[in-house]
Amino acid sequence: MSVSAPQWLLTEVRQAKVGSGTEQVKQTSSLLARFNLHTVCNSARCPNLRECFSHHTATFMILGDICTRGCTFCALKRGRPQSPVEDEPERLAQAVNELDLRHVVITSPTRDDLSDGGAGHYARVAETLRERCRGVKVELLVPDFKGSAEALATVMASQPDILAHNLETIPRLYPRIRQGANYWVSLEIIHKAREMFPEVIIKSGIMLGLGEEFEEVKSVLEDLRRVGCNMLTLGQYLAPSLRHIPVARYVKPEEFEFWHRKAVNLGFESVAAGSLVRSSYRASHYLKLYLAGGL
């Protein structure tokens, strides 16, 4: 049974959707179309799209916009994806330069159809950005690669500044929320990334409002710290459509503030918590805070 969104949250969503400049949103959209690039902003129906586009930034989605899994929280299309496009890394680098970005977040659908899960393409994108976009910070938000250490090593060898992998929810809800995924496999991906390259910043995030209990959230945060996660995002789950799993509850701002304090006390070095926080929301801002020693 779905619950009604509170007025304060509806106001936040409306403000985010307005953005800070219609012309800037059009410019960003036009550039993305010109280079034939996908974004998670569009494909996942992110409520922050206009805010980010109005600042000429976006979260790029490589390897197409069709996922081989069918998570019940996610707006991505499910089906049979096309093969990776060879010139995508170059097109993406050109777009990054035209947008004058200094921090780039790259993600993808889950590509279980590829032998390496798309890891080689991730690496080529990161390497091309290093070569073509001087001084850019590269954040890779990767799928679980079915737990493949070899695929993860391929990605890590491209030396991203941040390696992100979202747990999304608590273990109990995985069968309902993340079909085809496994909590412990995802946690091990984070652990392996930390072991492979201790100097790389590791980031993860979960959604609240799916039916999780207090102790379950606390346990997930403790698990993330145990495997060496540095940066954390906590946001409100918002159902993309009536076909997706409904919201179980809407988390009040003071609860997000509580979890922010709790995460800091557990040792996370950067925490973003709030209703409209997403894993790549204001990524550059939070990296700067992290590097400055702020939380």
C-alpha atoms as a PDB file:
ATOM      1  CA  MET A   1       0.000   0.000   0.000  1.00  0.00           C
ATOM      2  CA  SER A   2       1.452   3.348  -1.021  1.00  0.00           C
ATOM      3  CA  VAL A   3       1.687   6.341   1.314  1.00  0.00           C
ATOM      4  CA  SER A   4       1.148   9.977   0.414  1.00  0.00           C
ATOM      5  CA  ALA A   5       4.175  12.238   0.111  1.00  0.00           C
ATOM      6  CA  PRO A   6       4.275  15.031   2.713  1.00  0.00           C
ATOM      7  CA  GLN A   7       3.922  18.618   1.543  1.00  0.00           C
ATOM      8  CA  TRP A   8       7.451  19.591   2.565  1.00  0.00           C
ATOM      9  CA  LEU A   9       8.892  16.873   0.319  1.00  0.00           C
ATOM     10  CA  LEU A  10       6.670  17.855  -2.602  1.00  0.00           C
ATOM     11  CA  THR A  11       7.969  21.413  -2.211  1.00  0.00           C
ATOM     12  CA  GLU A  12      11.580  20.166  -2.268  1.00  0.00           C
ATOM     13  CA  VAL A  13      10.947  18.136  -5.417  1.00  0.00           C
ATOM     14  CA  ARG A  14       9.270  21.083  -7.177  1.00  0.00           C
ATOM     15  CA  GLN A  15      12.184  23.356  -6.308  1.00  0.00           C
ATOM     16  CA  ALA A  16      14.697  20.796  -7.589  1.00  0.00           C
ATOM     17  CA  LYS A  17      12.776  20.408 -10.838  1.00  0.00           C
ATOM     18  CA  VAL A  18      12.788  24.172 -11.448  1.00  0.00           C
ATOM     19  CA  GLY A  19      16.588  24.384 -11.460  1.00  0.00           C
ATOM     20  CA  SER A  20      18.319  27.733 -11.669  1.00  0.00           C
ATOM     21  CA  GLY A  21      18.086  28.532 -15.363  1.00  0.00           C
ATOM     22  CA  THR A  22      15.955  27.208 -18.216  1.00  0.00           C
ATOM     23  CA  GLU A  23      18.452  28.288 -20.845  1.00  0.00           C
ATOM     24  CA  GLN A  24      21.290  26.444 -19.120  1.00  0.00           C
ATOM     25  CA  VAL A  25      19.163  23.288 -18.944  1.00  0.00           C
ATOM     26  CA  LYS A  26      18.490  23.548 -22.684  1.00  0.00           C
ATOM     27  CA  GLN A  27      22.198  24.042 -23.404  1.00  0.00           C
ATOM     28  CA  THR A  28      23.196  20.967 -21.410  1.00  0.00           C
ATOM     29  CA  SER A  29      20.445  18.847 -22.981  1.00  0.00           C
ATOM     30  CA  SER A  30      21.443  20.005 -26.455  1.00  0.00           C
ATOM     31  CA  LEU A  31      25.096  19.162 -25.895  1.00  0.00           C
ATOM     32  CA  LEU A  32      24.272  15.674 -24.607  1.00  0.00           C
ATOM     33  CA  ALA A  33      22.068  15.067 -27.645  1.00  0.00           C
ATOM     34  CA  ARG A  34      24.769  16.342 -30.007  1.00  0.00           C
ATOM     35  CA  PHE A  35      27.278  13.837 -28.649  1.00  0.00           C
ATOM     36  CA  ASN A  36      24.623  11.105 -28.378  1.00  0.00           C
ATOM     37  CA  LEU A  37      25.311  10.499 -24.695  1.00  0.00           C
ATOM     38  CA  HIS A  38      23.053   8.929 -22.101  1.00  0.00           C
ATOM     39  CA  THR A  39      22.704  10.191 -18.543  1.00  0.00           C
ATOM     40  CA  VAL A  40      21.334   8.507 -15.458  1.00  0.00           C
ATOM     41  CA  CYS A  41      19.632  11.852 -14.830  1.00  0.00           C
ATOM     42  CA  ASN A  42      17.256  11.229 -17.737  1.00  0.00           C
ATOM     43  CA  SER A  43      17.103   7.451 -17.775  1.00  0.00           C
ATOM     44  CA  ALA A  44      16.526   7.039 -14.025  1.00  0.00           C
ATOM     45  CA  ARG A  45      14.130  10.016 -13.833  1.00  0.00           C
ATOM     46  CA  CYS A  46      16.203  11.809 -11.214  1.00  0.00           C
ATOM     47  CA  PRO A  47      14.324  14.650  -9.444  1.00  0.00           C
ATOM     48  CA  ASN A  48      17.528  16.733  -9.456  1.00  0.00           C
ATOM     49  CA  LEU A  49      17.901  16.732 -13.249  1.00  0.00           C
ATOM     50  CA  ARG A  50      17.117  20.396 -13.875  1.00  0.00           C
ATOM     51  CA  GLU A  51      19.207  21.525 -10.910  1.00  0.00           C
ATOM     52  CA  CYS A  52      22.244  19.657 -12.229  1.00  0.00           C
ATOM     53  CA  PHE A  53      21.680  20.501 -15.895  1.00  0.00           C
ATOM     54  CA  SER A  54      21.264  24.171 -14.988  1.00  0.00           C
ATOM     55  CA  HIS A  55      24.820  24.003 -13.596  1.00  0.00           C
ATOM     56  CA  HIS A  56      26.014  22.321 -16.807  1.00  0.00           C
ATOM     57  CA  THR A  57      26.724  19.017 -15.123  1.00  0.00           C
ATOM     58  CA  ALA A  58      25.312  15.499 -15.425  1.00  0.00           C
ATOM     59  CA  THR A  59      25.982  11.905 -14.435  1.00  0.00           C
ATOM     60  CA  PHE A  60      26.986  10.141 -17.633  1.00  0.00           C
ATOM     61  CA  MET A  61      25.762   6.630 -18.339  1.00  0.00           C
ATOM     62  CA  ILE A  62      27.960   4.548 -20.583  1.00  0.00           C
ATOM     63  CA  LEU A  63      27.193   1.186 -22.222  1.00  0.00           C
ATOM     64  CA  GLY A  64      23.700   2.216 -23.303  1.00  0.00           C
ATOM     65  CA  ASP A  65      20.493   2.736 -21.366  1.00  0.00           C
ATOM     66  CA  ILE A  66      19.162  -0.835 -21.223  1.00  0.00           C
ATOM     67  CA  CYS A  67      19.809  -3.019 -18.165  1.00  0.00           C
ATOM     68  CA  THR A  68      20.011  -6.807 -18.084  1.00  0.00           C
ATOM     69  CA  ARG A  69      18.416  -6.919 -14.643  1.00  0.00           C
ATOM     70  CA  GLY A  70      15.066  -5.628 -13.421  1.00  0.00           C
ATOM     71  CA  CYS A  71      15.407  -4.042  -9.989  1.00  0.00           C
ATOM     72  CA  THR A  72      11.978  -3.000  -8.776  1.00  0.00           C
ATOM     73  CA  PHE A  73      13.152   0.436  -7.594  1.00  0.00           C
ATOM     74  CA  CYS A  74      14.887   1.466 -10.809  1.00  0.00           C
ATOM     75  CA  ALA A  75      13.518   3.294 -13.857  1.00  0.00           C
ATOM     76  CA  LEU A  76      16.072   1.922 -16.326  1.00  0.00           C
ATOM     77  CA  LYS A  77      14.665  -0.132 -19.168  1.00  0.00           C
ATOM     78  CA  ARG A  78      15.226  -3.882 -19.027  1.00  0.00           C
ATOM     79  CA  GLY A  79      16.044  -5.865 -22.137  1.00  0.00           C
ATOM     80  CA  ARG A  80      18.797  -6.935 -24.508  1.00  0.00           C
ATOM     81  CA  PRO A  81      21.404  -4.161 -24.769  1.00  0.00           C
ATOM     82  CA  GLN A  82      23.491  -3.318 -27.808  1.00  0.00           C
ATOM     83  CA  SER A  83      27.212  -3.951 -27.979  1.00  0.00           C
ATOM     84  CA  PRO A  84      29.506  -1.273 -26.507  1.00  0.00           C
ATOM     85  CA  VAL A  85      30.145   1.614 -28.915  1.00  0.00           C
ATOM     86  CA  GLU A  86      33.857   2.059 -29.536  1.00  0.00           C
ATOM     87  CA  ASP A  87      33.900   5.835 -29.875  1.00  0.00           C
ATOM     88  CA  GLU A  88      31.835   6.520 -26.736  1.00  0.00           C
ATOM     89  CA  PRO A  89      34.890   7.346 -24.555  1.00  0.00           C
ATOM     90  CA  GLU A  90      36.042   9.979 -27.059  1.00  0.00           C
ATOM     91  CA  ARG A  91      32.575  11.528 -27.407  1.00  0.00           C
ATOM     92  CA  LEU A  92      32.231  11.667 -23.649  1.00  0.00           C
ATOM     93  CA  ALA A  93      35.614  13.369 -23.258  1.00  0.00           C
ATOM     94  CA  GLN A  94      34.622  15.987 -25.838  1.00  0.00           C
ATOM     95  CA  ALA A  95      31.428  16.703 -23.921  1.00  0.00           C
ATOM     96  CA  VAL A  96      33.322  16.986 -20.636  1.00  0.00           C
ATOM     97  CA  ASN A  97      35.661  19.536 -22.182  1.00  0.00           C
ATOM     98  CA  GLU A  98      32.820  21.589 -23.653  1.00  0.00           C
ATOM     99  CA  LEU A  99      31.009  21.587 -20.306  1.00  0.00           C
ATOM    100  CA  ASP A 100      34.325  22.497 -18.634  1.00  0.00           C
ATOM    101  CA  LEU A 101      33.785  19.867 -15.950  1.00  0.00           C
ATOM    102  CA  ARG A 102      36.420  19.263 -13.305  1.00  0.00           C
ATOM    103  CA  HIS A 103      34.643  16.291 -11.737  1.00  0.00           C
ATOM    104  CA  VAL A 104      32.980  13.590 -13.843  1.00  0.00           C
ATOM    105  CA  VAL A 105      30.714  10.814 -12.589  1.00  0.00           C
ATOM    106  CA  ILE A 106      30.383   7.777 -14.861  1.00  0.00           C
ATOM    107  CA  THR A 107      27.926   4.949 -14.343  1.00  0.00           C
ATOM    108  CA  SER A 108      26.200   2.292 -16.459  1.00  0.00           C
ATOM    109  CA  PRO A 109      23.373  -0.209 -16.498  1.00  0.00           C
ATOM    110  CA  THR A 110      24.255  -3.684 -15.268  1.00  0.00           C
ATOM    111  CA  ARG A 111      25.606  -5.574 -18.288  1.00  0.00           C
ATOM    112  CA  ASP A 112      25.461  -9.265 -17.394  1.00  0.00           C
ATOM    113  CA  ASP A 113      25.504  -9.995 -21.139  1.00  0.00           C
ATOM    114  CA  LEU A 114      29.172  -8.940 -21.395  1.00  0.00           C
ATOM    115  CA  SER A 115      31.894 -11.351 -20.319  1.00  0.00           C
ATOM    116  CA  ASP A 116      33.575  -8.670 -18.193  1.00  0.00           C
ATOM    117  CA  GLY A 117      30.377  -6.855 -17.220  1.00  0.00           C
ATOM    118  CA  GLY A 118      31.604  -3.808 -19.110  1.00  0.00           C
ATOM    119  CA  ALA A 119      34.746  -3.379 -17.005  1.00  0.00           C
ATOM    120  CA  GLY A 120      37.025  -2.913 -20.018  1.00  0.00           C
ATOM    121  CA  HIS A 121      34.798  -0.151 -21.361  1.00  0.00           C
ATOM    122  CA  TYR A 122      34.829   1.591 -17.972  1.00  0.00           C
ATOM    123  CA  ALA A 123      38.621   1.480 -18.028  1.00  0.00           C
ATOM    124  CA  ARG A 124      38.800   2.901 -21.567  1.00  0.00           C
ATOM    125  CA  VAL A 125      36.467   5.744 -20.561  1.00  0.00           C
ATOM    126  CA  ALA A 126      38.563   6.603 -17.500  1.00  0.00           C
ATOM    127  CA  GLU A 127      41.821   6.428 -19.450  1.00  0.00           C
ATOM    128  CA  THR A 128      40.427   8.617 -22.245  1.00  0.00           C
ATOM    129  CA  LEU A 129      39.241  11.210 -19.742  1.00  0.00           C
ATOM    130  CA  ARG A 130      42.709  11.290 -18.170  1.00  0.00           C
ATOM    131  CA  GLU A 131      44.278  11.765 -21.583  1.00  0.00           C
ATOM    132  CA  ARG A 132      41.833  14.285 -23.053  1.00  0.00           C
ATOM    133  CA  CYS A 133      40.559  16.246 -20.030  1.00  0.00           C
ATOM    134  CA  ARG A 134      43.420  17.719 -18.073  1.00  0.00           C
ATOM    135  CA  GLY A 135      42.958  17.862 -14.313  1.00  0.00           C
ATOM    136  CA  VAL A 136      39.571  16.119 -14.258  1.00  0.00           C
ATOM    137  CA  LYS A 137      38.538  14.043 -11.245  1.00  0.00           C
ATOM    138  CA  VAL A 138      37.027  10.705 -12.299  1.00  0.00           C
ATOM    139  CA  GLU A 139      34.338   8.998 -10.230  1.00  0.00           C
ATOM    140  CA  LEU A 140      33.201   5.568 -11.440  1.00  0.00           C
ATOM    141  CA  LEU A 141      29.903   4.226 -10.091  1.00  0.00           C
ATOM    142  CA  VAL A 142      30.071   0.566 -11.077  1.00  0.00           C
ATOM    143  CA  PRO A 143      27.732  -2.461 -11.012  1.00  0.00           C
ATOM    144  CA  ASP A 144      28.674  -5.611  -9.098  1.00  0.00           C
ATOM    145  CA  PHE A 145      30.307  -7.394 -12.084  1.00  0.00           C
ATOM    146  CA  LYS A 146      28.789 -10.590 -10.597  1.00  0.00           C
ATOM    147  CA  GLY A 147      31.517 -10.388  -7.978  1.00  0.00           C
ATOM    148  CA  SER A 148      34.348 -10.797 -10.506  1.00  0.00           C
ATOM    149  CA  ALA A 149      37.671  -9.765  -8.984  1.00  0.00           C
ATOM    150  CA  GLU A 150      39.210  -9.748 -12.479  1.00  0.00           C
ATOM    151  CA  ALA A 151      36.637  -7.272 -13.803  1.00  0.00           C
ATOM    152  CA  LEU A 152      37.057  -5.065 -10.752  1.00  0.00           C
ATOM    153  CA  ALA A 153      40.855  -5.151 -11.142  1.00  0.00           C
ATOM    154  CA  THR A 154      40.456  -3.950 -14.743  1.00  0.00           C
ATOM    155  CA  VAL A 155      38.459  -0.947 -13.554  1.00  0.00           C
ATOM    156  CA  MET A 156      40.745  -0.184 -10.627  1.00  0.00           C
ATOM    157  CA  ALA A 157      43.819  -0.282 -12.882  1.00  0.00           C
ATOM    158  CA  SER A 158      42.430   2.798 -14.663  1.00  0.00           C
ATOM    159  CA  GLN A 159      42.985   4.634 -11.351  1.00  0.00           C
ATOM    160  CA  PRO A 160      39.708   6.433 -10.722  1.00  0.00           C
ATOM    161  CA  ASP A 161      39.782   9.094  -8.032  1.00  0.00           C
ATOM    162  CA  ILE A 162      36.607   7.599  -6.553  1.00  0.00           C
ATOM    163  CA  LEU A 163      35.280   4.064  -6.954  1.00  0.00           C
ATOM    164  CA  ALA A 164      31.604   3.900  -6.042  1.00  0.00           C
ATOM    165  CA  HIS A 165      29.276   0.939  -5.709  1.00  0.00           C
ATOM    166  CA  ASN A 166      25.869   1.313  -4.088  1.00  0.00           C
ATOM    167  CA  LEU A 167      24.463  -1.271  -1.697  1.00  0.00           C
ATOM    168  CA  GLU A 168      21.073   0.419  -2.287  1.00  0.00           C
ATOM    169  CA  THR A 169      19.230  -1.241   0.617  1.00  0.00           C
ATOM    170  CA  ILE A 170      19.453  -3.688   3.522  1.00  0.00           C
ATOM    171  CA  PRO A 171      20.111  -7.435   3.004  1.00  0.00           C
ATOM    172  CA  ARG A 172      16.550  -8.493   3.914  1.00  0.00           C
ATOM    173  CA  LEU A 173      15.068  -6.445   1.072  1.00  0.00           C
ATOM    174  CA  TYR A 174      17.425  -7.620  -1.684  1.00  0.00           C
ATOM    175  CA  PRO A 175      15.140 -10.385  -3.023  1.00  0.00           C
ATOM    176  CA  ARG A 176      12.339  -7.850  -3.418  1.00  0.00           C
ATOM    177  CA  ILE A 177      14.352  -4.766  -4.432  1.00  0.00           C
ATOM    178  CA  ARG A 178      17.463  -6.026  -6.259  1.00  0.00           C
ATOM    179  CA  GLN A 179      16.637  -9.259  -8.077  1.00  0.00           C
ATOM    180  CA  GLY A 180      19.802 -10.787  -9.488  1.00  0.00           C
ATOM    181  CA  ALA A 181      22.028  -9.036  -6.947  1.00  0.00           C
ATOM    182  CA  ASN A 182      23.432 -10.212  -3.636  1.00  0.00           C
ATOM    183  CA  TYR A 183      24.199  -7.968  -0.658  1.00  0.00           C
ATOM    184  CA  TRP A 184      27.337  -9.854   0.311  1.00  0.00           C
ATOM    185  CA  VAL A 185      28.663  -9.843  -3.250  1.00  0.00           C
ATOM    186  CA  SER A 186      28.185  -6.076  -3.399  1.00  0.00           C
ATOM    187  CA  LEU A 187      29.848  -5.604  -0.027  1.00  0.00           C
ATOM    188  CA  GLU A 188      32.776  -7.752  -1.175  1.00  0.00           C
ATOM    189  CA  ILE A 189      33.190  -5.603  -4.312  1.00  0.00           C
ATOM    190  CA  ILE A 190      33.792  -2.634  -2.012  1.00  0.00           C
ATOM    191  CA  HIS A 191      36.141  -4.677   0.160  1.00  0.00           C
ATOM    192  CA  LYS A 192      38.151  -5.904  -2.835  1.00  0.00           C
ATOM    193  CA  ALA A 193      38.422  -2.383  -4.252  1.00  0.00           C
ATOM    194  CA  ARG A 194      39.836  -1.171  -0.949  1.00  0.00           C
ATOM    195  CA  GLU A 195      42.355  -4.007  -0.836  1.00  0.00           C
ATOM    196  CA  MET A 196      43.474  -3.534  -4.450  1.00  0.00           C
ATOM    197  CA  PHE A 197      44.079   0.201  -4.253  1.00  0.00           C
ATOM    198  CA  PRO A 198      44.160   1.493  -0.651  1.00  0.00           C
ATOM    199  CA  GLU A 199      44.648   5.087  -1.824  1.00  0.00           C
ATOM    200  CA  VAL A 200      41.438   5.243  -3.896  1.00  0.00           C
ATOM    201  CA  ILE A 201      38.400   6.858  -2.263  1.00  0.00           C
ATOM    202  CA  ILE A 202      35.565   4.356  -1.872  1.00  0.00           C
ATOM    203  CA  LYS A 203      31.941   5.497  -1.910  1.00  0.00           C
ATOM    204  CA  SER A 204      28.572   3.813  -1.443  1.00  0.00           C
ATOM    205  CA  GLY A 205      24.953   4.711  -0.831  1.00  0.00           C
ATOM    206  CA  ILE A 206      21.607   3.372   0.306  1.00  0.00           C
ATOM    207  CA  MET A 207      17.988   4.458  -0.036  1.00  0.00           C
ATOM    208  CA  LEU A 208      15.644   4.868   2.913  1.00  0.00           C
ATOM    209  CA  GLY A 209      11.890   4.465   2.848  1.00  0.00           C
ATOM    210  CA  LEU A 210      11.711   0.943   1.429  1.00  0.00           C
ATOM    211  CA  GLY A 211      10.701  -0.797   4.652  1.00  0.00           C
ATOM    212  CA  GLU A 212      14.048  -1.017   6.440  1.00  0.00           C
ATOM    213  CA  GLU A 213      14.284  -1.015  10.242  1.00  0.00           C
ATOM    214  CA  PHE A 214      16.614   1.059  12.428  1.00  0.00           C
ATOM    215  CA  GLU A 215      18.962  -1.771  13.391  1.00  0.00           C
ATOM    216  CA  GLU A 216      19.157  -2.934   9.787  1.00  0.00           C
ATOM    217  CA  VAL A 217      20.315   0.495   8.570  1.00  0.00           C
ATOM    218  CA  LYS A 218      22.830   0.700  11.410  1.00  0.00           C
ATOM    219  CA  SER A 219      24.175  -2.741  10.485  1.00  0.00           C
ATOM    220  CA  VAL A 220      24.646  -1.734   6.825  1.00  0.00           C
ATOM    221  CA  LEU A 221      26.588   1.381   7.818  1.00  0.00           C
ATOM    222  CA  GLU A 222      28.773  -0.717  10.115  1.00  0.00           C
ATOM    223  CA  ASP A 223      29.376  -3.218   7.306  1.00  0.00           C
ATOM    224  CA  LEU A 224      30.448  -0.407   4.959  1.00  0.00           C
ATOM    225  CA  ARG A 225      32.912   1.006   7.458  1.00  0.00           C
ATOM    226  CA  ARG A 226      34.295  -2.458   8.168  1.00  0.00           C
ATOM    227  CA  VAL A 227      35.219  -2.929   4.489  1.00  0.00           C
ATOM    228  CA  GLY A 228      36.785   0.533   4.198  1.00  0.00           C
ATOM    229  CA  CYS A 229      34.103   2.749   2.644  1.00  0.00           C
ATOM    230  CA  ASN A 230      35.033   6.458   2.994  1.00  0.00           C
ATOM    231  CA  MET A 231      32.070   8.336   1.531  1.00  0.00           C
ATOM    232  CA  LEU A 232      28.376   7.694   2.121  1.00  0.00           C
ATOM    233  CA  THR A 233      25.108   8.915   0.599  1.00  0.00           C
ATOM    234  CA  LEU A 234      21.667   8.434   2.131  1.00  0.00           C
ATOM    235  CA  GLY A 235      18.543   9.472   0.242  1.00  0.00           C
ATOM    236  CA  GLN A 236      14.793   9.003   0.137  1.00  0.00           C
ATOM    237  CA  TYR A 237      13.488   6.345  -2.225  1.00  0.00           C
ATOM    238  CA  LEU A 238      10.973   7.836  -4.654  1.00  0.00           C
ATOM    239  CA  ALA A 239       9.046   5.426  -6.868  1.00  0.00           C
ATOM    240  CA  PRO A 240       9.685   6.312 -10.551  1.00  0.00           C
ATOM    241  CA  SER A 241       6.187   5.136 -11.538  1.00  0.00           C
ATOM    242  CA  LEU A 242       3.181   3.178 -10.323  1.00  0.00           C
ATOM    243  CA  ARG A 243       4.798   0.035 -11.788  1.00  0.00           C
ATOM    244  CA  HIS A 244       7.700   0.239  -9.357  1.00  0.00           C
ATOM    245  CA  ILE A 245       7.784  -0.831  -5.732  1.00  0.00           C
ATOM    246  CA  PRO A 246       5.861   1.753  -3.690  1.00  0.00           C
ATOM    247  CA  VAL A 247       7.377   3.954  -1.008  1.00  0.00           C
ATOM    248  CA  ALA A 248       6.924   2.367   2.429  1.00  0.00           C
ATOM    249  CA  ARG A 249       7.452   5.641   4.298  1.00  0.00           C
ATOM    250  CA  TYR A 250       8.818   9.137   3.876  1.00  0.00           C
ATOM    251  CA  VAL A 251      11.823   9.897   6.039  1.00  0.00           C
ATOM    252  CA  LYS A 252      11.723  13.201   7.916  1.00  0.00           C
ATOM    253  CA  PRO A 253      14.655  15.657   7.687  1.00  0.00           C
ATOM    254  CA  GLU A 254      15.508  15.155  11.352  1.00  0.00           C
ATOM    255  CA  GLU A 255      15.972  11.415  10.749  1.00  0.00           C
ATOM    256  CA  PHE A 256      18.397  12.133   7.916  1.00  0.00           C
ATOM    257  CA  GLU A 257      20.233  14.444  10.319  1.00  0.00           C
ATOM    258  CA  PHE A 258      20.377  11.603  12.849  1.00  0.00           C
ATOM    259  CA  TRP A 259      21.858   9.192  10.306  1.00  0.00           C
ATOM    260  CA  HIS A 260      24.347  11.850   9.221  1.00  0.00           C
ATOM    261  CA  ARG A 261      25.617  12.148  12.806  1.00  0.00           C
ATOM    262  CA  LYS A 262      25.592   8.382  13.242  1.00  0.00           C
ATOM    263  CA  ALA A 263      27.639   7.851  10.073  1.00  0.00           C
ATOM    264  CA  VAL A 264      30.173  10.486  11.087  1.00  0.00           C
ATOM    265  CA  ASN A 265      30.541   8.819  14.489  1.00  0.00           C
ATOM    266  CA  LEU A 266      31.128   5.493  12.765  1.00  0.00           C
ATOM    267  CA  GLY A 267      34.062   7.035  10.898  1.00  0.00           C
ATOM    268  CA  PHE A 268      32.767   7.983   7.459  1.00  0.00           C
ATOM    269  CA  GLU A 269      34.836  10.887   6.165  1.00  0.00           C
ATOM    270  CA  SER A 270      32.087  12.327   3.960  1.00  0.00           C
ATOM    271  CA  VAL A 271      28.323  11.972   4.453  1.00  0.00           C
ATOM    272  CA  ALA A 272      25.516  13.350   2.301  1.00  0.00           C
ATOM    273  CA  ALA A 273      22.071  12.659   3.771  1.00  0.00           C
ATOM    274  CA  GLY A 274      18.750  14.126   2.726  1.00  0.00           C
ATOM    275  CA  SER A 275      15.515  13.496   0.902  1.00  0.00           C
ATOM    276  CA  LEU A 276      16.819  14.282  -2.591  1.00  0.00           C
ATOM    277  CA  VAL A 277      20.401  13.097  -2.091  1.00  0.00           C
ATOM    278  CA  ARG A 278      21.480  10.623  -4.751  1.00  0.00           C
ATOM    279  CA  SER A 279      24.810   8.824  -5.107  1.00  0.00           C
ATOM    280  CA  SER A 280      26.209  11.396  -7.531  1.00  0.00           C
ATOM    281  CA  TYR A 281      24.344  14.455  -6.224  1.00  0.00           C
ATOM    282  CA  ARG A 282      26.760  17.411  -5.911  1.00  0.00           C
ATOM    283  CA  ALA A 283      29.604  14.913  -6.214  1.00  0.00           C
ATOM    284  CA  SER A 284      32.244  17.579  -6.817  1.00  0.00           C
ATOM    285  CA  HIS A 285      31.146  19.539  -3.744  1.00  0.00           C
ATOM    286  CA  TYR A 286      31.334  16.511  -1.471  1.00  0.00           C
ATOM    287  CA  LEU A 287      34.725  15.471  -2.818  1.00  0.00           C
ATOM    288  CA  LYS A 288      36.070  18.946  -2.067  1.00  0.00           C
ATOM    289  CA  LEU A 289      34.701  18.677   1.481  1.00  0.00           C
ATOM    290  CA  TYR A 290      36.278  15.242   1.834  1.00  0.00           C
ATOM    291  CA  LEU A 291      39.675  16.460   0.665  1.00  0.00           C
ATOM    292  CA  ALA A 292      39.415  19.454   3.007  1.00  0.00           C
ATOM    293  CA  GLY A 293      38.675  17.162   5.933  1.00  0.00           C
ATOM    294  CA  GLY A 294      35.051  18.278   6.280  1.00  0.00           C
ATOM    295  CA  LEU A 295      31.947  16.137   6.672  1.00  0.00           C
END
